[in-house]
Amino acid sequence: MSSQLGAAVSDLMSQARSDLAELVAFRSVADPAVQPPEECRKAAEWVAGKFRELGFDDVTASETMDGSLAVHGSAPGPE
């Protein structure tokens, strides 16, 4: 790993840990017998919000066949 890449990863690690801690705090087990389905919805909304914060376009949460949500969006690649 280049020193420039290593520095970039190091700079982002604190935020990545913070984001991960927020995400895993949702009780988002996709089984209504284990956790309320609303927790999965809250987790999906959180992910969609993070995507928007990062500048992703067309962020949506699409319902899947089992009722869970798949979050997706797009972002332009580097030029």
PDB file of N, CA and C in Angstrom:
ATOM      1  N   MET A   1       0.859  -1.168   0.000  1.00  0.00           N
ATOM      2  CA  MET A   1       0.000   0.000   0.000  1.00  0.00           C
ATOM      3  C   MET A   1       0.905   1.230   0.000  1.00  0.00           C
ATOM      4  N   SER A   2       0.589   2.179  -0.881  1.00  0.00           N
ATOM      5  CA  SER A   2       1.394   3.399  -0.925  1.00  0.00           C
ATOM      6  C   SER A   2       1.193   4.203   0.349  1.00  0.00           C
ATOM      7  N   SER A   3       2.172   5.037   0.666  1.00  0.00           N
ATOM      8  CA  SER A   3       2.051   5.850   1.880  1.00  0.00           C
ATOM      9  C   SER A   3       0.887   6.831   1.758  1.00  0.00           C
ATOM     10  N   GLN A   4       0.604   7.302   0.548  1.00  0.00           N
ATOM     11  CA  GLN A   4      -0.525   8.219   0.339  1.00  0.00           C
ATOM     12  C   GLN A   4      -1.851   7.501   0.606  1.00  0.00           C
ATOM     13  N   LEU A   5      -1.975   6.285   0.102  1.00  0.00           N
ATOM     14  CA  LEU A   5      -3.189   5.505   0.333  1.00  0.00           C
ATOM     15  C   LEU A   5      -3.324   5.162   1.807  1.00  0.00           C
ATOM     16  N   GLY A   6      -2.238   4.753   2.427  1.00  0.00           N
ATOM     17  CA  GLY A   6      -2.254   4.431   3.853  1.00  0.00           C
ATOM     18  C   GLY A   6      -2.689   5.613   4.700  1.00  0.00           C
ATOM     19  N   ALA A   7      -2.214   6.794   4.347  1.00  0.00           N
ATOM     20  CA  ALA A   7      -2.595   8.008   5.082  1.00  0.00           C
ATOM     21  C   ALA A   7      -4.077   8.305   4.898  1.00  0.00           C
ATOM     22  N   ALA A   8      -4.580   8.107   3.672  1.00  0.00           N
ATOM     23  CA  ALA A   8      -6.003   8.352   3.412  1.00  0.00           C
ATOM     24  C   ALA A   8      -6.868   7.387   4.214  1.00  0.00           C
ATOM     25  N   VAL A   9      -6.486   6.115   4.238  1.00  0.00           N
ATOM     26  CA  VAL A   9      -7.232   5.120   5.012  1.00  0.00           C
ATOM     27  C   VAL A   9      -7.185   5.474   6.491  1.00  0.00           C
ATOM     28  N   SER A  10      -6.024   5.832   6.975  1.00  0.00           N
ATOM     29  CA  SER A  10      -5.875   6.202   8.382  1.00  0.00           C
ATOM     30  C   SER A  10      -6.751   7.399   8.739  1.00  0.00           C
ATOM     31  N   ASP A  11      -6.805   8.382   7.860  1.00  0.00           N
ATOM     32  CA  ASP A  11      -7.623   9.574   8.104  1.00  0.00           C
ATOM     33  C   ASP A  11      -9.113   9.247   8.168  1.00  0.00           C
ATOM     34  N   LEU A  12      -9.546   8.258   7.406  1.00  0.00           N
ATOM     35  CA  LEU A  12     -10.969   7.911   7.336  1.00  0.00           C
ATOM     36  C   LEU A  12     -11.398   6.871   8.371  1.00  0.00           C
ATOM     37  N   MET A  13     -10.443   6.217   9.022  1.00  0.00           N
ATOM     38  CA  MET A  13     -10.764   5.094   9.900  1.00  0.00           C
ATOM     39  C   MET A  13     -11.663   5.475  11.065  1.00  0.00           C
ATOM     40  N   SER A  14     -11.448   6.599  11.682  1.00  0.00           N
ATOM     41  CA  SER A  14     -12.270   7.009  12.820  1.00  0.00           C
ATOM     42  C   SER A  14     -13.736   7.157  12.412  1.00  0.00           C
ATOM     43  N   GLN A  15     -13.973   7.807  11.269  1.00  0.00           N
ATOM     44  CA  GLN A  15     -15.349   7.974  10.789  1.00  0.00           C
ATOM     45  C   GLN A  15     -15.946   6.624  10.405  1.00  0.00           C
ATOM     46  N   ALA A  16     -15.150   5.761   9.794  1.00  0.00           N
ATOM     47  CA  ALA A  16     -15.644   4.438   9.411  1.00  0.00           C
ATOM     48  C   ALA A  16     -16.072   3.644  10.642  1.00  0.00           C
ATOM     49  N   ARG A  17     -15.285   3.694  11.693  1.00  0.00           N
ATOM     50  CA  ARG A  17     -15.647   2.990  12.936  1.00  0.00           C
ATOM     51  C   ARG A  17     -16.916   3.568  13.543  1.00  0.00           C
ATOM     52  N   SER A  18     -17.026   4.883  13.527  1.00  0.00           N
ATOM     53  CA  SER A  18     -18.210   5.548  14.065  1.00  0.00           C
ATOM     54  C   SER A  18     -19.458   5.164  13.269  1.00  0.00           C
ATOM     55  N   ASP A  19     -19.343   5.197  11.941  1.00  0.00           N
ATOM     56  CA  ASP A  19     -20.475   4.809  11.090  1.00  0.00           C
ATOM     57  C   ASP A  19     -20.862   3.355  11.322  1.00  0.00           C
ATOM     58  N   LEU A  20     -19.875   2.480  11.417  1.00  0.00           N
ATOM     59  CA  LEU A  20     -20.163   1.065  11.644  1.00  0.00           C
ATOM     60  C   LEU A  20     -20.858   0.859  12.983  1.00  0.00           C
ATOM     61  N   ALA A  21     -20.406   1.552  14.011  1.00  0.00           N
ATOM     62  CA  ALA A  21     -21.044   1.434  15.330  1.00  0.00           C
ATOM     63  C   ALA A  21     -22.505   1.872  15.272  1.00  0.00           C
ATOM     64  N   GLU A  22     -22.785   2.951  14.542  1.00  0.00           N
ATOM     65  CA  GLU A  22     -24.177   3.397  14.394  1.00  0.00           C
ATOM     66  C   GLU A  22     -25.008   2.353  13.664  1.00  0.00           C
ATOM     67  N   LEU A  23     -24.462   1.809  12.580  1.00  0.00           N
ATOM     68  CA  LEU A  23     -25.213   0.850  11.771  1.00  0.00           C
ATOM     69  C   LEU A  23     -25.512  -0.432  12.535  1.00  0.00           C
ATOM     70  N   VAL A  24     -24.523  -0.976  13.234  1.00  0.00           N
ATOM     71  CA  VAL A  24     -24.756  -2.246  13.923  1.00  0.00           C
ATOM     72  C   VAL A  24     -25.610  -2.078  15.179  1.00  0.00           C
ATOM     73  N   ALA A  25     -25.865  -0.840  15.581  1.00  0.00           N
ATOM     74  CA  ALA A  25     -26.752  -0.608  16.728  1.00  0.00           C
ATOM     75  C   ALA A  25     -28.208  -0.913  16.389  1.00  0.00           C
ATOM     76  N   PHE A  26     -28.547  -0.915  15.098  1.00  0.00           N
ATOM     77  CA  PHE A  26     -29.901  -1.303  14.699  1.00  0.00           C
ATOM     78  C   PHE A  26     -30.053  -2.809  14.893  1.00  0.00           C
ATOM     79  N   ARG A  27     -31.168  -3.225  15.416  1.00  0.00           N
ATOM     80  CA  ARG A  27     -31.443  -4.660  15.593  1.00  0.00           C
ATOM     81  C   ARG A  27     -32.040  -5.188  14.291  1.00  0.00           C
ATOM     82  N   SER A  28     -31.239  -5.166  13.247  1.00  0.00           N
ATOM     83  CA  SER A  28     -31.744  -5.385  11.891  1.00  0.00           C
ATOM     84  C   SER A  28     -31.562  -6.816  11.396  1.00  0.00           C
ATOM     85  N   VAL A  29     -32.023  -7.770  12.161  1.00  0.00           N
ATOM     86  CA  VAL A  29     -32.052  -9.161  11.722  1.00  0.00           C
ATOM     87  C   VAL A  29     -33.311  -9.323  10.875  1.00  0.00           C
ATOM     88  N   ALA A  30     -33.150  -9.761   9.636  1.00  0.00           N
ATOM     89  CA  ALA A  30     -34.293  -9.839   8.723  1.00  0.00           C
ATOM     90  C   ALA A  30     -35.153 -11.068   9.001  1.00  0.00           C
ATOM     91  N   ASP A  31     -35.603 -11.198  10.221  1.00  0.00           N
ATOM     92  CA  ASP A  31     -36.499 -12.285  10.618  1.00  0.00           C
ATOM     93  C   ASP A  31     -37.449 -11.721  11.661  1.00  0.00           C
ATOM     94  N   PRO A  32     -38.722 -11.514  11.299  1.00  0.00           N
ATOM     95  CA  PRO A  32     -39.664 -10.903  12.239  1.00  0.00           C
ATOM     96  C   PRO A  32     -39.859 -11.705  13.523  1.00  0.00           C
ATOM     97  N   ALA A  33     -39.457 -12.970  13.529  1.00  0.00           N
ATOM     98  CA  ALA A  33     -39.552 -13.766  14.754  1.00  0.00           C
ATOM     99  C   ALA A  33     -38.431 -13.402  15.731  1.00  0.00           C
ATOM    100  N   VAL A  34     -37.379 -12.753  15.229  1.00  0.00           N
ATOM    101  CA  VAL A  34     -36.221 -12.412  16.051  1.00  0.00           C
ATOM    102  C   VAL A  34     -36.226 -10.936  16.444  1.00  0.00           C
ATOM    103  N   GLN A  35     -36.456 -10.061  15.481  1.00  0.00           N
ATOM    104  CA  GLN A  35     -36.447  -8.612  15.713  1.00  0.00           C
ATOM    105  C   GLN A  35     -37.582  -7.974  14.919  1.00  0.00           C
ATOM    106  N   PRO A  36     -38.084  -6.825  15.377  1.00  0.00           N
ATOM    107  CA  PRO A  36     -39.161  -6.159  14.650  1.00  0.00           C
ATOM    108  C   PRO A  36     -38.703  -5.700  13.258  1.00  0.00           C
ATOM    109  N   PRO A  37     -39.526  -5.906  12.228  1.00  0.00           N
ATOM    110  CA  PRO A  37     -39.157  -5.486  10.868  1.00  0.00           C
ATOM    111  C   PRO A  37     -38.817  -3.998  10.773  1.00  0.00           C
ATOM    112  N   GLU A  38     -39.375  -3.187  11.646  1.00  0.00           N
ATOM    113  CA  GLU A  38     -39.099  -1.748  11.621  1.00  0.00           C
ATOM    114  C   GLU A  38     -37.609  -1.465  11.810  1.00  0.00           C
ATOM    115  N   GLU A  39     -36.908  -2.321  12.531  1.00  0.00           N
ATOM    116  CA  GLU A  39     -35.467  -2.115  12.726  1.00  0.00           C
ATOM    117  C   GLU A  39     -34.707  -2.227  11.407  1.00  0.00           C
ATOM    118  N   CYS A  40     -35.109  -3.168  10.555  1.00  0.00           N
ATOM    119  CA  CYS A  40     -34.467  -3.289   9.236  1.00  0.00           C
ATOM    120  C   CYS A  40     -34.754  -2.050   8.403  1.00  0.00           C
ATOM    121  N   ARG A  41     -35.970  -1.552   8.483  1.00  0.00           N
ATOM    122  CA  ARG A  41     -36.341  -0.348   7.736  1.00  0.00           C
ATOM    123  C   ARG A  41     -35.506   0.847   8.217  1.00  0.00           C
ATOM    124  N   LYS A  42     -35.341   0.979   9.527  1.00  0.00           N
ATOM    125  CA  LYS A  42     -34.527   2.074  10.074  1.00  0.00           C
ATOM    126  C   LYS A  42     -33.077   1.960   9.596  1.00  0.00           C
ATOM    127  N   ALA A  43     -32.544   0.748   9.574  1.00  0.00           N
ATOM    128  CA  ALA A  43     -31.167   0.551   9.110  1.00  0.00           C
ATOM    129  C   ALA A  43     -31.042   0.933   7.635  1.00  0.00           C
ATOM    130  N   ALA A  44     -32.021   0.539   6.826  1.00  0.00           N
ATOM    131  CA  ALA A  44     -31.997   0.884   5.402  1.00  0.00           C
ATOM    132  C   ALA A  44     -32.082   2.397   5.213  1.00  0.00           C
ATOM    133  N   GLU A  45     -32.914   3.060   5.995  1.00  0.00           N
ATOM    134  CA  GLU A  45     -33.028   4.518   5.906  1.00  0.00           C
ATOM    135  C   GLU A  45     -31.711   5.184   6.312  1.00  0.00           C
ATOM    136  N   TRP A  46     -31.039   4.624   7.306  1.00  0.00           N
ATOM    137  CA  TRP A  46     -29.745   5.160   7.742  1.00  0.00           C
ATOM    138  C   TRP A  46     -28.726   5.044   6.602  1.00  0.00           C
ATOM    139  N   VAL A  47     -28.674   3.863   5.968  1.00  0.00           N
ATOM    140  CA  VAL A  47     -27.738   3.651   4.859  1.00  0.00           C
ATOM    141  C   VAL A  47     -28.054   4.619   3.716  1.00  0.00           C
ATOM    142  N   ALA A  48     -29.327   4.769   3.378  1.00  0.00           N
ATOM    143  CA  ALA A  48     -29.712   5.692   2.305  1.00  0.00           C
ATOM    144  C   ALA A  48     -29.271   7.118   2.644  1.00  0.00           C
ATOM    145  N   GLY A  49     -29.436   7.517   3.884  1.00  0.00           N
ATOM    146  CA  GLY A  49     -28.999   8.845   4.305  1.00  0.00           C
ATOM    147  C   GLY A  49     -27.499   9.026   4.166  1.00  0.00           C
ATOM    148  N   LYS A  50     -26.737   8.005   4.536  1.00  0.00           N
ATOM    149  CA  LYS A  50     -25.275   8.074   4.391  1.00  0.00           C
ATOM    150  C   LYS A  50     -24.888   8.170   2.920  1.00  0.00           C
ATOM    151  N   PHE A  51     -25.565   7.400   2.067  1.00  0.00           N
ATOM    152  CA  PHE A  51     -25.297   7.485   0.629  1.00  0.00           C
ATOM    153  C   PHE A  51     -25.509   8.918   0.137  1.00  0.00           C
ATOM    154  N   ARG A  52     -26.614   9.530   0.566  1.00  0.00           N
ATOM    155  CA  ARG A  52     -26.904  10.909   0.141  1.00  0.00           C
ATOM    156  C   ARG A  52     -25.835  11.873   0.660  1.00  0.00           C
ATOM    157  N   GLU A  53     -25.427  11.699   1.917  1.00  0.00           N
ATOM    158  CA  GLU A  53     -24.367  12.547   2.482  1.00  0.00           C
ATOM    159  C   GLU A  53     -23.086  12.460   1.658  1.00  0.00           C
ATOM    160  N   LEU A  54     -22.822  11.287   1.109  1.00  0.00           N
ATOM    161  CA  LEU A  54     -21.607  11.073   0.325  1.00  0.00           C
ATOM    162  C   LEU A  54     -21.752  11.508  -1.127  1.00  0.00           C
ATOM    163  N   GLY A  55     -22.931  12.019  -1.485  1.00  0.00           N
ATOM    164  CA  GLY A  55     -23.127  12.537  -2.833  1.00  0.00           C
ATOM    165  C   GLY A  55     -23.626  11.540  -3.853  1.00  0.00           C
ATOM    166  N   PHE A  56     -24.140  10.397  -3.404  1.00  0.00           N
ATOM    167  CA  PHE A  56     -24.699   9.438  -4.344  1.00  0.00           C
ATOM    168  C   PHE A  56     -25.968  10.013  -4.958  1.00  0.00           C
ATOM    169  N   ASP A  57     -26.206   9.700  -6.240  1.00  0.00           N
ATOM    170  CA  ASP A  57     -27.404  10.132  -6.946  1.00  0.00           C
ATOM    171  C   ASP A  57     -28.447   9.018  -6.922  1.00  0.00           C
ATOM    172  N   ASP A  58     -29.689   9.406  -7.100  1.00  0.00           N
ATOM    173  CA  ASP A  58     -30.780   8.436  -7.261  1.00  0.00           C
ATOM    174  C   ASP A  58     -30.795   7.367  -6.168  1.00  0.00           C
ATOM    175  N   VAL A  59     -30.637   7.762  -4.928  1.00  0.00           N
ATOM    176  CA  VAL A  59     -30.637   6.802  -3.824  1.00  0.00           C
ATOM    177  C   VAL A  59     -32.068   6.333  -3.588  1.00  0.00           C
ATOM    178  N   THR A  60     -32.244   5.027  -3.601  1.00  0.00           N
ATOM    179  CA  THR A  60     -33.565   4.454  -3.347  1.00  0.00           C
ATOM    180  C   THR A  60     -33.432   3.228  -2.460  1.00  0.00           C
ATOM    181  N   ALA A  61     -34.513   2.902  -1.797  1.00  0.00           N
ATOM    182  CA  ALA A  61     -34.611   1.667  -1.022  1.00  0.00           C
ATOM    183  C   ALA A  61     -35.742   0.868  -1.649  1.00  0.00           C
ATOM    184  N   SER A  62     -35.395  -0.194  -2.338  1.00  0.00           N
ATOM    185  CA  SER A  62     -36.376  -1.011  -3.049  1.00  0.00           C
ATOM    186  C   SER A  62     -36.753  -2.221  -2.213  1.00  0.00           C
ATOM    187  N   GLU A  63     -38.048  -2.482  -2.138  1.00  0.00           N
ATOM    188  CA  GLU A  63     -38.505  -3.650  -1.390  1.00  0.00           C
ATOM    189  C   GLU A  63     -38.231  -4.914  -2.193  1.00  0.00           C
ATOM    190  N   THR A  64     -37.677  -5.918  -1.533  1.00  0.00           N
ATOM    191  CA  THR A  64     -37.372  -7.194  -2.175  1.00  0.00           C
ATOM    192  C   THR A  64     -38.539  -8.156  -1.983  1.00  0.00           C
ATOM    193  N   MET A  65     -38.439  -9.340  -2.564  1.00  0.00           N
ATOM    194  CA  MET A  65     -39.528 -10.319  -2.488  1.00  0.00           C
ATOM    195  C   MET A  65     -39.853 -10.725  -1.057  1.00  0.00           C
ATOM    196  N   ASP A  66     -38.858 -10.704  -0.166  1.00  0.00           N
ATOM    197  CA  ASP A  66     -39.120 -11.114   1.217  1.00  0.00           C
ATOM    198  C   ASP A  66     -39.529  -9.942   2.107  1.00  0.00           C
ATOM    199  N   GLY A  67     -39.689  -8.753   1.505  1.00  0.00           N
ATOM    200  CA  GLY A  67     -40.117  -7.589   2.266  1.00  0.00           C
ATOM    201  C   GLY A  67     -38.986  -6.758   2.837  1.00  0.00           C
ATOM    202  N   SER A  68     -37.751  -7.238   2.712  1.00  0.00           N
ATOM    203  CA  SER A  68     -36.614  -6.440   3.180  1.00  0.00           C
ATOM    204  C   SER A  68     -36.311  -5.355   2.146  1.00  0.00           C
ATOM    205  N   LEU A  69     -35.440  -4.435   2.503  1.00  0.00           N
ATOM    206  CA  LEU A  69     -35.106  -3.337   1.599  1.00  0.00           C
ATOM    207  C   LEU A  69     -33.675  -3.458   1.098  1.00  0.00           C
ATOM    208  N   ALA A  70     -33.496  -3.210  -0.179  1.00  0.00           N
ATOM    209  CA  ALA A  70     -32.168  -3.139  -0.792  1.00  0.00           C
ATOM    210  C   ALA A  70     -31.916  -1.675  -1.133  1.00  0.00           C
ATOM    211  N   VAL A  71     -30.871  -1.103  -0.564  1.00  0.00           N
ATOM    212  CA  VAL A  71     -30.552   0.305  -0.794  1.00  0.00           C
ATOM    213  C   VAL A  71     -29.535   0.392  -1.924  1.00  0.00           C
ATOM    214  N   HIS A  72     -29.806   1.284  -2.870  1.00  0.00           N
ATOM    215  CA  HIS A  72     -28.862   1.458  -3.967  1.00  0.00           C
ATOM    216  C   HIS A  72     -28.874   2.898  -4.453  1.00  0.00           C
ATOM    217  N   GLY A  73     -27.812   3.270  -5.122  1.00  0.00           N
ATOM    218  CA  GLY A  73     -27.658   4.600  -5.687  1.00  0.00           C
ATOM    219  C   GLY A  73     -26.478   4.576  -6.638  1.00  0.00           C
ATOM    220  N   SER A  74     -26.158   5.713  -7.193  1.00  0.00           N
ATOM    221  CA  SER A  74     -25.027   5.771  -8.115  1.00  0.00           C
ATOM    222  C   SER A  74     -24.182   7.002  -7.808  1.00  0.00           C
ATOM    223  N   ALA A  75     -22.926   6.894  -8.149  1.00  0.00           N
ATOM    224  CA  ALA A  75     -21.995   8.006  -7.979  1.00  0.00           C
ATOM    225  C   ALA A  75     -21.037   7.985  -9.165  1.00  0.00           C
ATOM    226  N   PRO A  76     -20.685   9.150  -9.664  1.00  0.00           N
ATOM    227  CA  PRO A  76     -19.755   9.173 -10.789  1.00  0.00           C
ATOM    228  C   PRO A  76     -18.375   8.672 -10.367  1.00  0.00           C
ATOM    229  N   GLY A  77     -17.717   7.988 -11.270  1.00  0.00           N
ATOM    230  CA  GLY A  77     -16.360   7.520 -11.010  1.00  0.00           C
ATOM    231  C   GLY A  77     -15.355   8.636 -11.237  1.00  0.00           C
ATOM    232  N   PRO A  78     -14.104   8.376 -10.924  1.00  0.00           N
ATOM    233  CA  PRO A  78     -13.075   9.400 -11.135  1.00  0.00           C
ATOM    234  C   PRO A  78     -12.885   9.666 -12.626  1.00  0.00           C
ATOM    235  N   GLU A  79     -12.467  10.848 -12.927  1.00  0.00           N
ATOM    236  CA  GLU A  79     -12.245  11.198 -14.342  1.00  0.00           C
ATOM    237  C   GLU A  79     -10.866  10.818 -14.789  1.00  0.00           C
TER     238      GLU A  79
END
